[in-house]
Amino acid sequence: MNAEDAGLALGTLKTCFVGKAKATAKAREERLRDALKTLAERGDIWGPVKHGSTQYYFAAGRGPSIETASALLVRLVLQSGTRLLSRPGLEKKVTGMHRRFFPDAVKHAIAGRAIVELTCGKSKYYLHCDVAAERFAFETTTMPVDPSPVPGPNPPHGPSLRFEDLLPVYRRLKAQQGGFSAVKIFDLMKALNVPKEALHTLLVQEAKAGRITIHPTTSVELPREVIDAGIRLDGFAEPFITVVVKDDR
């Protein structure tokens, strides 16, 4: 694709996709759908992302993501200076296709120590970490927590799970959920057909190596099995239930 971060609308792709000259419109649409599915599962493209009434596809590495939405809101918080931005106020400023990534983008920015979340009653406000440190002498760094899972049963003996085993399954699941980067650990565990402990070991290792990020729940309405499949780390109240492979868009 040459569409860069703007992506291509499904309607535009239908116009460009000719296929066999004598094929019916329905047959061409089916071939286009199959081609898009294959490219998405291979990791060459991702999507669709619904914006308004239109669906968009993006080349790998282009378009909106948790990381780009996080970078956007960090800039917005920095531009706000010492004026605190409320969560609803910040969300209004994160527009377009980045809006769908807002909850995870906030957690990504907080986990990366880029912004500080302040709570007043039931309201949440945000301040850039550099501003907090410079103007208010806030301590914005903490001692790193050793990301080791809470001890549990030993995984059964067998071949070690590798990142190369995880990646194609992650991409397929991401494609199935419309290109949304945060894939549930529960879904990975089912698709890979591996013990929870083996998958947790790999995910923690890859998080330490910086190839993935893991994220806590953003909803209390998730099924019990999704919560139970999450990674529980010392020092964190909520389990980490989703995975994002970095730079895989």
C-alpha atoms as a PDB file:
ATOM      1  CA  MET A   1       0.000   0.000   0.000  1.00  0.00           C
ATOM      2  CA  ASN A   2       1.052   3.573  -0.710  1.00  0.00           C
ATOM      3  CA  ALA A   3      -1.667   5.063   1.504  1.00  0.00           C
ATOM      4  CA  GLU A   4       0.713   5.544   4.474  1.00  0.00           C
ATOM      5  CA  ASP A   5      -1.071   6.387   7.752  1.00  0.00           C
ATOM      6  CA  ALA A   6      -4.334   7.380   6.029  1.00  0.00           C
ATOM      7  CA  GLY A   7      -5.040   3.799   4.972  1.00  0.00           C
ATOM      8  CA  LEU A   8      -7.441   2.795   2.225  1.00  0.00           C
ATOM      9  CA  ALA A   9     -11.211   2.587   2.524  1.00  0.00           C
ATOM     10  CA  LEU A  10     -12.842  -0.727   1.689  1.00  0.00           C
ATOM     11  CA  GLY A  11     -14.855   0.980  -1.029  1.00  0.00           C
ATOM     12  CA  THR A  12     -11.658   2.226  -2.684  1.00  0.00           C
ATOM     13  CA  LEU A  13     -10.170  -1.249  -2.521  1.00  0.00           C
ATOM     14  CA  LYS A  14     -13.276  -2.701  -4.165  1.00  0.00           C
ATOM     15  CA  THR A  15     -12.926  -0.199  -7.001  1.00  0.00           C
ATOM     16  CA  CYS A  16      -9.246  -1.006  -7.500  1.00  0.00           C
ATOM     17  CA  PHE A  17      -9.660  -4.776  -7.230  1.00  0.00           C
ATOM     18  CA  VAL A  18     -10.650  -5.950 -10.719  1.00  0.00           C
ATOM     19  CA  GLY A  19      -9.962  -9.699 -10.615  1.00  0.00           C
ATOM     20  CA  LYS A  20     -11.060 -11.777 -13.578  1.00  0.00           C
ATOM     21  CA  ALA A  21     -12.794  -9.665 -16.195  1.00  0.00           C
ATOM     22  CA  LYS A  22     -15.818 -11.968 -16.512  1.00  0.00           C
ATOM     23  CA  ALA A  23     -16.299 -12.450 -12.779  1.00  0.00           C
ATOM     24  CA  THR A  24     -19.469 -11.132 -11.184  1.00  0.00           C
ATOM     25  CA  ALA A  25     -19.352  -8.313  -8.660  1.00  0.00           C
ATOM     26  CA  LYS A  26     -20.182 -10.821  -5.894  1.00  0.00           C
ATOM     27  CA  ALA A  27     -17.321 -13.112  -6.972  1.00  0.00           C
ATOM     28  CA  ARG A  28     -14.869 -10.185  -7.072  1.00  0.00           C
ATOM     29  CA  GLU A  29     -15.927  -9.114  -3.563  1.00  0.00           C
ATOM     30  CA  GLU A  30     -15.407 -12.650  -2.268  1.00  0.00           C
ATOM     31  CA  ARG A  31     -11.931 -12.794  -3.821  1.00  0.00           C
ATOM     32  CA  LEU A  32     -11.086  -9.384  -2.371  1.00  0.00           C
ATOM     33  CA  ARG A  33     -12.276 -10.511   1.074  1.00  0.00           C
ATOM     34  CA  ASP A  34     -10.147 -13.661   0.852  1.00  0.00           C
ATOM     35  CA  ALA A  35      -7.120 -11.644  -0.340  1.00  0.00           C
ATOM     36  CA  LEU A  36      -7.459  -9.158   2.534  1.00  0.00           C
ATOM     37  CA  LYS A  37      -7.817 -11.992   5.058  1.00  0.00           C
ATOM     38  CA  THR A  38      -4.671 -13.702   3.723  1.00  0.00           C
ATOM     39  CA  LEU A  39      -2.646 -10.483   3.780  1.00  0.00           C
ATOM     40  CA  ALA A  40      -3.833  -9.685   7.319  1.00  0.00           C
ATOM     41  CA  GLU A  41      -2.977 -13.151   8.644  1.00  0.00           C
ATOM     42  CA  ARG A  42       0.446 -12.903   6.993  1.00  0.00           C
ATOM     43  CA  GLY A  43       1.043  -9.576   8.737  1.00  0.00           C
ATOM     44  CA  ASP A  44       1.331  -7.491   5.535  1.00  0.00           C
ATOM     45  CA  ILE A  45      -1.763  -5.412   6.304  1.00  0.00           C
ATOM     46  CA  TRP A  46      -4.187  -4.975   9.180  1.00  0.00           C
ATOM     47  CA  GLY A  47      -7.809  -3.976   9.517  1.00  0.00           C
ATOM     48  CA  PRO A  48     -10.565  -3.276   9.059  1.00  0.00           C
ATOM     49  CA  VAL A  49     -10.844  -0.249  11.330  1.00  0.00           C
ATOM     50  CA  LYS A  50     -14.360   1.181  11.313  1.00  0.00           C
ATOM     51  CA  HIS A  51     -14.519   4.970  11.356  1.00  0.00           C
ATOM     52  CA  GLY A  52     -17.993   6.342  10.944  1.00  0.00           C
ATOM     53  CA  SER A  53     -19.649   4.202   8.287  1.00  0.00           C
ATOM     54  CA  THR A  54     -16.354   3.409   6.517  1.00  0.00           C
ATOM     55  CA  GLN A  55     -13.896   0.555   7.015  1.00  0.00           C
ATOM     56  CA  TYR A  56     -10.169   1.154   6.489  1.00  0.00           C
ATOM     57  CA  TYR A  57      -7.171  -1.120   5.927  1.00  0.00           C
ATOM     58  CA  PHE A  58      -3.549  -0.208   6.642  1.00  0.00           C
ATOM     59  CA  ALA A  59      -0.149  -1.485   5.609  1.00  0.00           C
ATOM     60  CA  ALA A  60       1.886  -3.117   8.375  1.00  0.00           C
ATOM     61  CA  GLY A  61       3.489  -0.465  10.562  1.00  0.00           C
ATOM     62  CA  ARG A  62       1.098   2.293   9.460  1.00  0.00           C
ATOM     63  CA  GLY A  63      -2.113   3.756  10.816  1.00  0.00           C
ATOM     64  CA  PRO A  64      -3.448   4.220  14.358  1.00  0.00           C
ATOM     65  CA  SER A  65      -2.443   1.991  17.281  1.00  0.00           C
ATOM     66  CA  ILE A  66      -2.181   2.007  21.060  1.00  0.00           C
ATOM     67  CA  GLU A  67       1.347   3.394  20.689  1.00  0.00           C
ATOM     68  CA  THR A  68       0.402   6.251  18.311  1.00  0.00           C
ATOM     69  CA  ALA A  69      -2.668   7.128  20.387  1.00  0.00           C
ATOM     70  CA  SER A  70      -0.491   7.112  23.515  1.00  0.00           C
ATOM     71  CA  ALA A  71       2.063   9.434  21.881  1.00  0.00           C
ATOM     72  CA  LEU A  72      -0.768  11.780  20.874  1.00  0.00           C
ATOM     73  CA  LEU A  73      -2.278  12.036  24.339  1.00  0.00           C
ATOM     74  CA  VAL A  74       1.184  12.476  25.923  1.00  0.00           C
ATOM     75  CA  ARG A  75       1.705  15.501  23.623  1.00  0.00           C
ATOM     76  CA  LEU A  76      -1.713  16.864  24.597  1.00  0.00           C
ATOM     77  CA  VAL A  77      -0.962  16.504  28.308  1.00  0.00           C
ATOM     78  CA  LEU A  78       2.443  18.150  27.843  1.00  0.00           C
ATOM     79  CA  GLN A  79       0.889  21.065  25.941  1.00  0.00           C
ATOM     80  CA  SER A  80      -1.553  21.537  28.819  1.00  0.00           C
ATOM     81  CA  GLY A  81       1.386  22.379  31.117  1.00  0.00           C
ATOM     82  CA  THR A  82       0.359  22.767  34.754  1.00  0.00           C
ATOM     83  CA  ARG A  83      -3.347  22.856  33.865  1.00  0.00           C
ATOM     84  CA  LEU A  84      -4.712  19.442  34.755  1.00  0.00           C
ATOM     85  CA  LEU A  85      -6.651  17.648  32.044  1.00  0.00           C
ATOM     86  CA  SER A  86      -9.611  15.557  33.189  1.00  0.00           C
ATOM     87  CA  ARG A  87     -10.113  12.131  31.654  1.00  0.00           C
ATOM     88  CA  PRO A  88     -13.262  13.218  29.722  1.00  0.00           C
ATOM     89  CA  GLY A  89     -11.484  16.393  28.610  1.00  0.00           C
ATOM     90  CA  LEU A  90      -8.471  14.455  27.392  1.00  0.00           C
ATOM     91  CA  GLU A  91     -10.611  11.887  25.583  1.00  0.00           C
ATOM     92  CA  LYS A  92     -12.407  14.649  23.671  1.00  0.00           C
ATOM     93  CA  LYS A  93      -9.057  15.840  22.331  1.00  0.00           C
ATOM     94  CA  VAL A  94      -8.063  12.364  21.088  1.00  0.00           C
ATOM     95  CA  THR A  95     -10.041  12.365  17.865  1.00  0.00           C
ATOM     96  CA  GLY A  96     -10.460  10.272  14.733  1.00  0.00           C
ATOM     97  CA  MET A  97      -9.462   6.618  14.657  1.00  0.00           C
ATOM     98  CA  HIS A  98      -7.168   7.112  17.652  1.00  0.00           C
ATOM     99  CA  ARG A  99     -10.274   7.424  19.875  1.00  0.00           C
ATOM    100  CA  ARG A 100     -10.909   3.659  19.890  1.00  0.00           C
ATOM    101  CA  PHE A 101      -7.475   3.092  21.471  1.00  0.00           C
ATOM    102  CA  PHE A 102      -7.946   5.701  24.212  1.00  0.00           C
ATOM    103  CA  PRO A 103      -8.385   3.438  27.320  1.00  0.00           C
ATOM    104  CA  ASP A 104      -5.317   1.333  26.511  1.00  0.00           C
ATOM    105  CA  ALA A 105      -3.340   4.379  25.366  1.00  0.00           C
ATOM    106  CA  VAL A 106      -3.828   6.003  28.776  1.00  0.00           C
ATOM    107  CA  LYS A 107      -2.576   2.878  30.552  1.00  0.00           C
ATOM    108  CA  HIS A 108       0.355   2.647  28.121  1.00  0.00           C
ATOM    109  CA  ALA A 109       1.371   6.258  28.840  1.00  0.00           C
ATOM    110  CA  ILE A 110       1.074   5.775  32.611  1.00  0.00           C
ATOM    111  CA  ALA A 111       3.011   2.490  32.548  1.00  0.00           C
ATOM    112  CA  GLY A 112       5.732   4.180  30.477  1.00  0.00           C
ATOM    113  CA  ARG A 113       6.024   6.942  33.111  1.00  0.00           C
ATOM    114  CA  ALA A 114       5.129   9.579  30.500  1.00  0.00           C
ATOM    115  CA  ILE A 115       2.108  10.958  32.371  1.00  0.00           C
ATOM    116  CA  VAL A 116       0.882  10.950  35.963  1.00  0.00           C
ATOM    117  CA  GLU A 117      -2.711  10.057  36.859  1.00  0.00           C
ATOM    118  CA  LEU A 118      -4.145  12.005  39.796  1.00  0.00           C
ATOM    119  CA  THR A 119      -7.415  11.038  41.477  1.00  0.00           C
ATOM    120  CA  CYS A 120      -9.832  13.437  43.177  1.00  0.00           C
ATOM    121  CA  GLY A 121     -12.935  11.650  44.381  1.00  0.00           C
ATOM    122  CA  LYS A 122     -14.211   9.687  41.389  1.00  0.00           C
ATOM    123  CA  SER A 123     -12.514  11.979  38.861  1.00  0.00           C
ATOM    124  CA  LYS A 124      -9.136  11.378  37.231  1.00  0.00           C
ATOM    125  CA  TYR A 125      -6.738  14.054  35.986  1.00  0.00           C
ATOM    126  CA  TYR A 126      -3.473  13.896  34.063  1.00  0.00           C
ATOM    127  CA  LEU A 127      -0.165  15.726  34.270  1.00  0.00           C
ATOM    128  CA  HIS A 128       2.983  15.215  32.216  1.00  0.00           C
ATOM    129  CA  CYS A 129       5.742  13.560  34.252  1.00  0.00           C
ATOM    130  CA  ASP A 130       8.339  16.183  33.322  1.00  0.00           C
ATOM    131  CA  VAL A 131       6.012  18.976  34.445  1.00  0.00           C
ATOM    132  CA  ALA A 132       5.185  17.089  37.646  1.00  0.00           C
ATOM    133  CA  ALA A 133       8.874  16.623  38.455  1.00  0.00           C
ATOM    134  CA  GLU A 134       9.950  20.168  37.544  1.00  0.00           C
ATOM    135  CA  ARG A 135       7.076  22.226  38.943  1.00  0.00           C
ATOM    136  CA  PHE A 136       5.826  20.147  41.851  1.00  0.00           C
ATOM    137  CA  ALA A 137       8.814  17.950  42.750  1.00  0.00           C
ATOM    138  CA  PHE A 138       6.727  14.819  42.263  1.00  0.00           C
ATOM    139  CA  GLU A 139       8.630  11.541  42.306  1.00  0.00           C
ATOM    140  CA  THR A 140       7.832  10.140  38.855  1.00  0.00           C
ATOM    141  CA  THR A 141      10.039   7.060  38.873  1.00  0.00           C
ATOM    142  CA  THR A 142       9.735   3.972  41.000  1.00  0.00           C
ATOM    143  CA  MET A 143      11.883   1.011  41.791  1.00  0.00           C
ATOM    144  CA  PRO A 144      11.308  -1.547  39.057  1.00  0.00           C
ATOM    145  CA  VAL A 145       9.103  -4.462  39.988  1.00  0.00           C
ATOM    146  CA  ASP A 146      10.505  -7.846  39.041  1.00  0.00           C
ATOM    147  CA  PRO A 147       7.892  -9.056  36.534  1.00  0.00           C
ATOM    148  CA  SER A 148       7.848 -12.651  37.729  1.00  0.00           C
ATOM    149  CA  PRO A 149       4.492 -14.424  37.794  1.00  0.00           C
ATOM    150  CA  VAL A 150       3.083 -15.462  41.123  1.00  0.00           C
ATOM    151  CA  PRO A 151       4.411 -18.987  41.738  1.00  0.00           C
ATOM    152  CA  GLY A 152       2.100 -21.728  40.506  1.00  0.00           C
ATOM    153  CA  PRO A 153       2.240 -25.278  39.248  1.00  0.00           C
ATOM    154  CA  ASN A 154       5.282 -26.200  37.204  1.00  0.00           C
ATOM    155  CA  PRO A 155       4.547 -26.404  33.464  1.00  0.00           C
ATOM    156  CA  PRO A 156       4.649 -29.879  31.977  1.00  0.00           C
ATOM    157  CA  HIS A 157       7.831 -31.014  30.296  1.00  0.00           C
ATOM    158  CA  GLY A 158       7.961 -30.465  26.557  1.00  0.00           C
ATOM    159  CA  PRO A 159       9.303 -28.111  23.876  1.00  0.00           C
ATOM    160  CA  SER A 160       9.627 -24.502  25.017  1.00  0.00           C
ATOM    161  CA  LEU A 161       7.192 -22.024  23.545  1.00  0.00           C
ATOM    162  CA  ARG A 162       8.977 -19.440  21.360  1.00  0.00           C
ATOM    163  CA  PHE A 163       8.161 -15.948  20.151  1.00  0.00           C
ATOM    164  CA  GLU A 164       8.166 -17.349  16.602  1.00  0.00           C
ATOM    165  CA  ASP A 165       5.317 -19.671  17.640  1.00  0.00           C
ATOM    166  CA  LEU A 166       3.364 -16.809  19.171  1.00  0.00           C
ATOM    167  CA  LEU A 167       3.647 -14.218  16.387  1.00  0.00           C
ATOM    168  CA  PRO A 168       1.582 -15.816  13.574  1.00  0.00           C
ATOM    169  CA  VAL A 169      -1.192 -16.750  16.011  1.00  0.00           C
ATOM    170  CA  TYR A 170      -1.168 -13.237  17.473  1.00  0.00           C
ATOM    171  CA  ARG A 171      -1.448 -11.755  13.976  1.00  0.00           C
ATOM    172  CA  ARG A 172      -4.332 -14.043  13.053  1.00  0.00           C
ATOM    173  CA  LEU A 173      -6.262 -13.159  16.219  1.00  0.00           C
ATOM    174  CA  LYS A 174      -5.532  -9.464  15.722  1.00  0.00           C
ATOM    175  CA  ALA A 175      -6.842  -9.666  12.161  1.00  0.00           C
ATOM    176  CA  GLN A 176      -9.996 -11.455  13.363  1.00  0.00           C
ATOM    177  CA  GLN A 177     -10.756  -8.612  15.785  1.00  0.00           C
ATOM    178  CA  GLY A 178     -10.404  -5.919  13.149  1.00  0.00           C
ATOM    179  CA  GLY A 179      -6.753  -5.050  13.649  1.00  0.00           C
ATOM    180  CA  PHE A 180      -7.102  -4.063  17.308  1.00  0.00           C
ATOM    181  CA  SER A 181      -3.639  -4.657  18.763  1.00  0.00           C
ATOM    182  CA  ALA A 182      -4.532  -5.843  22.271  1.00  0.00           C
ATOM    183  CA  VAL A 183      -5.107  -9.611  22.032  1.00  0.00           C
ATOM    184  CA  LYS A 184      -6.397 -11.497  25.071  1.00  0.00           C
ATOM    185  CA  ILE A 185      -4.023 -13.949  26.719  1.00  0.00           C
ATOM    186  CA  PHE A 186      -6.999 -16.316  27.028  1.00  0.00           C
ATOM    187  CA  ASP A 187      -7.477 -16.297  23.235  1.00  0.00           C
ATOM    188  CA  LEU A 188      -3.755 -16.908  22.666  1.00  0.00           C
ATOM    189  CA  MET A 189      -3.769 -19.790  25.111  1.00  0.00           C
ATOM    190  CA  LYS A 190      -6.710 -21.446  23.336  1.00  0.00           C
ATOM    191  CA  ALA A 191      -5.334 -20.875  19.842  1.00  0.00           C
ATOM    192  CA  LEU A 192      -1.852 -22.140  20.734  1.00  0.00           C
ATOM    193  CA  ASN A 193      -3.263 -25.026  22.806  1.00  0.00           C
ATOM    194  CA  VAL A 194      -0.571 -24.636  25.448  1.00  0.00           C
ATOM    195  CA  PRO A 195      -0.643 -24.612  29.280  1.00  0.00           C
ATOM    196  CA  LYS A 196      -1.216 -21.243  30.864  1.00  0.00           C
ATOM    197  CA  GLU A 197       2.095 -21.385  32.732  1.00  0.00           C
ATOM    198  CA  ALA A 198       4.099 -21.963  29.534  1.00  0.00           C
ATOM    199  CA  LEU A 199       2.451 -19.005  27.808  1.00  0.00           C
ATOM    200  CA  HIS A 200       2.932 -16.791  30.866  1.00  0.00           C
ATOM    201  CA  THR A 201       6.637 -17.646  30.973  1.00  0.00           C
ATOM    202  CA  LEU A 202       7.084 -16.652  27.329  1.00  0.00           C
ATOM    203  CA  LEU A 203       5.082 -13.428  27.685  1.00  0.00           C
ATOM    204  CA  VAL A 204       7.012 -12.289  30.756  1.00  0.00           C
ATOM    205  CA  GLN A 205      10.314 -13.020  29.005  1.00  0.00           C
ATOM    206  CA  GLU A 206       9.271 -11.103  25.906  1.00  0.00           C
ATOM    207  CA  ALA A 207       7.970  -8.187  27.990  1.00  0.00           C
ATOM    208  CA  LYS A 208      11.386  -7.988  29.683  1.00  0.00           C
ATOM    209  CA  ALA A 209      13.046  -8.079  26.243  1.00  0.00           C
ATOM    210  CA  GLY A 210      10.822  -5.217  25.057  1.00  0.00           C
ATOM    211  CA  ARG A 211       9.200  -7.064  22.158  1.00  0.00           C
ATOM    212  CA  ILE A 212       5.714  -7.055  23.690  1.00  0.00           C
ATOM    213  CA  THR A 213       3.745  -5.161  26.289  1.00  0.00           C
ATOM    214  CA  ILE A 214       1.138  -6.666  28.607  1.00  0.00           C
ATOM    215  CA  HIS A 215      -1.842  -4.725  29.875  1.00  0.00           C
ATOM    216  CA  PRO A 216      -4.261  -5.027  32.810  1.00  0.00           C
ATOM    217  CA  THR A 217      -8.005  -5.282  32.405  1.00  0.00           C
ATOM    218  CA  THR A 218      -9.930  -2.214  31.247  1.00  0.00           C
ATOM    219  CA  SER A 219     -13.332  -3.726  32.029  1.00  0.00           C
ATOM    220  CA  VAL A 220     -14.958  -5.456  34.988  1.00  0.00           C
ATOM    221  CA  GLU A 221     -17.447  -7.201  32.668  1.00  0.00           C
ATOM    222  CA  LEU A 222     -15.012  -9.704  31.185  1.00  0.00           C
ATOM    223  CA  PRO A 223     -15.750 -13.441  31.507  1.00  0.00           C
ATOM    224  CA  ARG A 224     -14.196 -15.211  34.470  1.00  0.00           C
ATOM    225  CA  GLU A 225     -12.053 -17.436  32.250  1.00  0.00           C
ATOM    226  CA  VAL A 226     -10.474 -14.368  30.605  1.00  0.00           C
ATOM    227  CA  ILE A 227      -9.536 -12.947  34.011  1.00  0.00           C
ATOM    228  CA  ASP A 228      -8.235 -16.321  35.247  1.00  0.00           C
ATOM    229  CA  ALA A 229      -5.986 -16.666  32.168  1.00  0.00           C
ATOM    230  CA  GLY A 230      -4.281 -13.357  32.971  1.00  0.00           C
ATOM    231  CA  ILE A 231      -0.814 -12.858  34.428  1.00  0.00           C
ATOM    232  CA  ARG A 232      -0.739 -11.817  38.067  1.00  0.00           C
ATOM    233  CA  LEU A 233       2.390  -9.921  39.101  1.00  0.00           C
ATOM    234  CA  ASP A 234       3.537  -8.953  42.561  1.00  0.00           C
ATOM    235  CA  GLY A 235       2.745  -5.306  43.240  1.00  0.00           C
ATOM    236  CA  PHE A 236      -0.206  -5.108  40.829  1.00  0.00           C
ATOM    237  CA  ALA A 237      -3.796  -5.496  41.987  1.00  0.00           C
ATOM    238  CA  GLU A 238      -5.230  -6.332  38.564  1.00  0.00           C
ATOM    239  CA  PRO A 239      -4.202  -9.230  36.332  1.00  0.00           C
ATOM    240  CA  PHE A 240      -2.589  -8.478  32.973  1.00  0.00           C
ATOM    241  CA  ILE A 241      -4.990  -9.944  30.419  1.00  0.00           C
ATOM    242  CA  THR A 242      -3.973  -8.588  27.002  1.00  0.00           C
ATOM    243  CA  VAL A 243      -0.816  -8.592  24.893  1.00  0.00           C
ATOM    244  CA  VAL A 244       0.444  -6.121  22.287  1.00  0.00           C
ATOM    245  CA  VAL A 245       3.350  -7.045  20.032  1.00  0.00           C
ATOM    246  CA  LYS A 246       5.321  -3.832  19.600  1.00  0.00           C
ATOM    247  CA  ASP A 247       5.875  -2.384  16.117  1.00  0.00           C
ATOM    248  CA  ASP A 248       3.525  -4.968  14.586  1.00  0.00           C
ATOM    249  CA  ARG A 249       0.839  -2.929  12.834  1.00  0.00           C
END
